Amino acid sequence: MNIIEQIDKEQMAAITAKRVIPDFSPGDTVKVMVRVAEEADTSAKAKGKAAKKDVPKVTYRLQAYEGVVIARDGKGIQESFTVRKISYGEGVERVFPVYSPFIADIEVVRRGRVRRAKLYYLRGRRGKSARILERSDARAKRLNAAFKGFKRPKGSPDDLTKISKIDKDMDAQLRKLNVLRFDQIAAFSDDDIANLDDVLQLKGRIEKEDWIGEARRLMSEAAAAEVPAEEAKS
């Protein structure tokens, strides 16, 4: 392995540690959540003060782009996919790098049944002729039924490595599935434990190592530490 391949693998691992890349192919309808940078006006003039030095502040918002995957090209960190949608009667296409840091999430909405790897013929079709039948075979059902992670919780994430048996690698895998807080682990149901056990191949670690009990202990310790601070303010 040369140095370029090693750097590519490190970059791919860094992206997959933050988000799950689902299994999708041409013909599937996907929803891509794209991070869009916006420059906020934080100048002193905008605030009604004497202008000294304007420092632009960049904020990010998520923008959904939903359409049909008509092609996948390249491999490794250079892999990309093309998504086509109809907007106000006009066909619009965007090419997304699979491992782009500006993609927050990729969700497969519908799996299509096609016989080609490139669906460029859709560019010349409208209405019913552009429709793609939905896949209903065993593989599609298995992919649709696969556990894709939890809904991202509100609030700042906790340091899950405070749970004694969770190391940095396991913390990164849990974050990919949106397990970010102690209260999530404390409220795990039997189905949640089974799903995580299957996806991460934990072999019963959650119950053996008592992640739920440790998460509840850490929550109670944090709550007890907040009480004296509130009493001091009063």
Protein backbone atom coordinates (compact mmCIF):
# COMPACT_ATOMS: atom_id res chain seq x y z
CA MET A 1 0.00 0.00 0.00
CA ASN A 2 1.45 3.37 -1.04
CA ILE A 3 1.14 6.60 0.91
CA ILE A 4 -1.76 7.92 -1.22
CA GLU A 5 -3.86 4.79 -0.63
CA GLN A 6 -3.12 5.00 3.09
CA ILE A 7 -4.25 8.65 3.26
CA ASP A 8 -7.39 7.80 1.27
CA LYS A 9 -8.27 5.01 3.70
CA GLU A 10 -7.73 7.29 6.69
CA GLN A 11 -10.02 9.94 5.18
CA MET A 12 -12.70 7.35 4.38
CA ALA A 13 -12.51 5.97 7.92
CA ALA A 14 -12.89 9.48 9.36
CA ILE A 15 -16.09 10.06 7.35
CA THR A 16 -17.63 6.65 8.07
CA ALA A 17 -16.94 7.20 11.79
CA LYS A 18 -19.29 10.21 11.70
CA ARG A 19 -22.13 8.90 9.53
CA VAL A 20 -23.46 5.67 8.07
CA ILE A 21 -23.17 5.22 4.30
CA PRO A 22 -26.15 3.05 3.27
CA ASP A 23 -26.18 0.42 0.55
CA PHE A 24 -27.81 2.01 -2.51
CA SER A 25 -27.56 1.67 -6.28
CA PRO A 26 -28.85 3.32 -9.49
CA GLY A 27 -32.64 3.35 -9.56
CA ASP A 28 -32.97 3.99 -5.82
CA THR A 29 -34.60 7.17 -4.56
CA VAL A 30 -32.42 8.84 -1.94
CA LYS A 31 -32.61 11.90 0.27
CA VAL A 32 -29.25 13.64 0.68
CA MET A 33 -28.90 16.06 3.59
CA VAL A 34 -26.34 18.64 2.46
CA ARG A 35 -24.57 21.13 4.73
CA VAL A 36 -24.92 24.61 3.25
CA ALA A 37 -22.61 27.37 4.51
CA GLU A 38 -24.14 30.77 5.23
CA GLU A 39 -22.34 33.93 6.28
CA ALA A 40 -24.07 35.69 9.19
CA ASP A 41 -23.90 39.50 9.40
CA THR A 42 -22.16 40.06 12.72
CA SER A 43 -20.74 43.48 11.89
CA ALA A 44 -20.87 46.29 14.41
CA LYS A 45 -22.77 48.40 11.86
CA ALA A 46 -25.55 45.82 11.67
CA LYS A 47 -25.85 45.96 15.47
CA GLY A 48 -26.10 49.76 15.49
CA LYS A 49 -22.62 50.32 16.92
CA ALA A 50 -19.57 52.08 15.64
CA ALA A 51 -17.86 49.93 13.03
CA LYS A 52 -14.47 48.69 14.16
CA LYS A 53 -13.68 45.42 12.51
CA ASP A 54 -16.17 43.20 10.73
CA VAL A 55 -15.56 39.51 11.38
CA PRO A 56 -17.82 37.29 9.24
CA LYS A 57 -19.26 34.28 11.00
CA VAL A 58 -20.04 31.18 8.98
CA THR A 59 -23.00 29.04 10.02
CA TYR A 60 -24.30 25.83 8.48
CA ARG A 61 -27.82 24.63 7.76
CA LEU A 62 -29.07 21.33 6.34
CA GLN A 63 -30.75 21.25 2.94
CA ALA A 64 -32.54 18.13 1.67
CA TYR A 65 -32.07 17.02 -1.93
CA GLU A 66 -34.27 14.08 -2.92
CA GLY A 67 -34.18 12.31 -6.26
CA VAL A 68 -33.32 9.16 -8.20
CA VAL A 69 -29.75 7.88 -8.37
CA ILE A 70 -28.96 7.59 -12.08
CA ALA A 71 -25.26 6.68 -11.80
CA ARG A 72 -22.42 5.77 -9.46
CA ASP A 73 -18.85 6.40 -10.63
CA GLY A 74 -15.33 5.93 -9.35
CA LYS A 75 -14.12 3.97 -6.36
CA GLY A 76 -12.60 4.60 -2.97
CA ILE A 77 -12.59 8.16 -1.72
CA GLN A 78 -13.20 9.42 -5.27
CA GLU A 79 -16.51 7.57 -5.61
CA SER A 80 -19.50 9.75 -6.49
CA PHE A 81 -23.17 9.37 -7.35
CA THR A 82 -25.53 11.44 -9.51
CA VAL A 83 -29.02 12.28 -8.26
CA ARG A 84 -31.74 13.52 -10.64
CA LYS A 85 -35.02 15.17 -9.72
CA ILE A 86 -37.74 17.19 -11.45
CA SER A 87 -38.04 20.74 -10.10
CA TYR A 88 -40.77 23.01 -11.52
CA GLY A 89 -40.98 20.85 -14.64
CA GLU A 90 -37.24 20.89 -15.31
CA GLY A 91 -34.77 18.09 -14.73
CA VAL A 92 -32.04 18.93 -12.22
CA GLU A 93 -28.99 16.78 -11.51
CA ARG A 94 -26.34 17.00 -8.83
CA VAL A 95 -23.18 14.96 -8.40
CA PHE A 96 -22.26 14.15 -4.80
CA PRO A 97 -18.98 12.61 -3.60
CA VAL A 98 -19.90 9.66 -1.38
CA TYR A 99 -17.30 10.64 1.23
CA SER A 100 -17.91 14.39 1.15
CA PRO A 101 -17.72 16.07 4.60
CA PHE A 102 -20.54 18.38 3.48
CA ILE A 103 -23.02 15.47 3.39
CA ALA A 104 -24.65 15.02 6.79
CA ASP A 105 -26.75 11.98 5.93
CA ILE A 106 -27.93 9.78 3.04
CA GLU A 107 -31.33 8.12 3.42
CA VAL A 108 -32.71 5.52 1.01
CA VAL A 109 -36.38 6.40 0.51
CA ARG A 110 -37.30 3.77 -2.10
CA ARG A 111 -35.44 0.98 -3.85
CA GLY A 112 -35.94 0.78 -7.61
CA ARG A 113 -35.87 -2.21 -9.96
CA VAL A 114 -33.71 -1.46 -13.01
CA ARG A 115 -31.55 -3.43 -15.43
CA ARG A 116 -28.88 -0.83 -16.18
CA ALA A 117 -25.99 0.66 -14.23
CA LYS A 118 -26.48 4.09 -15.88
CA LEU A 119 -29.96 5.58 -16.15
CA TYR A 120 -29.18 8.49 -18.44
CA TYR A 121 -32.20 7.57 -20.57
CA LEU A 122 -34.37 9.23 -17.89
CA ARG A 123 -33.19 12.62 -19.16
CA GLY A 124 -35.39 12.27 -22.21
CA ARG A 125 -38.49 11.01 -20.41
CA ARG A 126 -41.35 12.68 -18.56
CA GLY A 127 -44.33 11.51 -16.52
CA LYS A 128 -45.22 7.82 -16.45
CA SER A 129 -42.44 6.81 -18.84
CA ALA A 130 -39.88 8.04 -16.32
CA ARG A 131 -41.25 5.97 -13.45
CA ILE A 132 -39.16 3.18 -11.93
CA LEU A 133 -40.78 0.10 -10.44
CA GLU A 134 -40.08 -0.60 -6.79
CA ARG A 135 -37.98 -3.59 -5.82
CA SER A 136 -39.70 -6.19 -3.68
CA ASP A 137 -37.23 -9.07 -3.73
CA ALA A 138 -35.65 -10.68 -0.67
CA ARG A 139 -32.52 -8.52 -0.78
CA ALA A 140 -34.53 -5.29 -0.92
CA LYS A 141 -36.66 -6.42 2.02
CA ARG A 142 -33.54 -7.30 4.01
CA LEU A 143 -31.92 -3.93 3.30
CA ASN A 144 -35.10 -2.05 4.19
CA ALA A 145 -35.50 -3.99 7.42
CA ALA A 146 -31.89 -3.47 8.48
CA PHE A 147 -31.33 -1.32 11.56
CA LYS A 148 -29.95 2.06 10.43
CA GLY A 149 -29.47 3.75 13.78
CA PHE A 150 -31.38 5.99 16.17
CA LYS A 151 -32.81 9.45 15.64
CA ARG A 152 -30.23 12.05 16.59
CA PRO A 153 -31.04 13.31 20.11
CA LYS A 154 -31.25 16.95 21.12
CA GLY A 155 -28.63 18.51 23.37
CA SER A 156 -24.87 18.25 23.50
CA PRO A 157 -23.33 14.75 23.36
CA ASP A 158 -21.89 13.10 26.47
CA ASP A 159 -18.47 11.53 26.82
CA LEU A 160 -19.46 7.87 26.46
CA THR A 161 -15.91 6.73 27.25
CA LYS A 162 -16.74 7.44 30.91
CA ILE A 163 -18.58 4.12 30.79
CA SER A 164 -15.71 1.84 31.78
CA LYS A 165 -15.94 -0.69 28.94
CA ILE A 166 -16.48 1.79 26.08
CA ASP A 167 -13.19 2.76 24.42
CA LYS A 168 -12.63 5.38 21.71
CA ASP A 169 -13.22 2.92 18.86
CA MET A 170 -16.54 1.78 20.30
CA ASP A 171 -17.50 5.40 20.99
CA ALA A 172 -16.92 6.20 17.29
CA GLN A 173 -19.09 3.25 16.21
CA LEU A 174 -21.89 4.29 18.56
CA ARG A 175 -21.77 7.88 17.28
CA LYS A 176 -22.27 6.59 13.73
CA LEU A 177 -25.60 5.15 14.94
CA ASN A 178 -26.48 8.41 16.77
CA VAL A 179 -25.91 6.98 20.25
CA LEU A 180 -24.53 10.15 21.83
CA ARG A 181 -25.95 10.53 25.34
CA PHE A 182 -26.15 8.65 28.65
CA ASP A 183 -29.94 9.02 28.78
CA GLN A 184 -30.20 7.11 25.48
CA ILE A 185 -28.24 4.17 26.86
CA ALA A 186 -30.14 4.30 30.16
CA ALA A 187 -33.44 3.99 28.26
CA PHE A 188 -32.38 1.12 25.95
CA SER A 189 -35.19 -1.39 25.32
CA ASP A 190 -34.64 -5.08 24.58
CA ASP A 191 -35.09 -4.34 20.86
CA ASP A 192 -32.50 -1.53 20.99
CA ILE A 193 -30.00 -3.85 22.65
CA ALA A 194 -30.69 -6.59 20.09
CA ASN A 195 -30.26 -4.19 17.16
CA LEU A 196 -26.96 -2.79 18.45
CA ASP A 197 -25.73 -6.26 19.31
CA ASP A 198 -26.45 -7.39 15.74
CA VAL A 199 -25.03 -4.35 13.91
CA LEU A 200 -21.88 -3.92 16.01
CA GLN A 201 -21.45 -7.65 16.78
CA LEU A 202 -21.17 -6.96 20.51
CA LYS A 203 -21.97 -10.54 21.56
CA GLY A 204 -24.01 -9.46 24.58
CA ARG A 205 -21.55 -6.82 25.83
CA ILE A 206 -24.26 -4.28 26.69
CA GLU A 207 -25.83 -6.56 29.28
CA LYS A 208 -22.61 -8.25 30.44
CA GLU A 209 -20.82 -4.96 31.07
CA ASP A 210 -23.96 -3.23 32.42
CA TRP A 211 -23.85 -0.18 30.15
CA ILE A 212 -27.36 0.77 31.25
CA GLY A 213 -26.47 0.70 34.94
CA GLU A 214 -23.31 2.73 34.43
CA ALA A 215 -25.16 5.31 32.29
CA ARG A 216 -27.77 5.75 35.04
CA ARG A 217 -25.02 6.12 37.66
CA LEU A 218 -23.26 8.80 35.61
CA MET A 219 -26.56 10.64 35.10
CA SER A 220 -27.28 10.64 38.84
CA GLU A 221 -23.76 11.87 39.62
CA ALA A 222 -24.14 14.73 37.12
CA ALA A 223 -27.53 15.66 38.60
CA ALA A 224 -26.11 15.65 42.14
CA ALA A 225 -23.25 17.90 41.05
CA GLU A 226 -25.68 20.45 39.57
CA VAL A 227 -27.79 20.83 42.73
CA PRO A 228 -25.15 22.62 44.92
CA ALA A 229 -24.37 25.01 42.04
CA GLU A 230 -28.06 26.00 41.79
CA GLU A 231 -28.32 26.43 45.57
CA ALA A 232 -25.24 28.68 45.57
CA LYS A 233 -26.86 30.96 42.96
CA SER A 234 -30.05 31.28 45.04
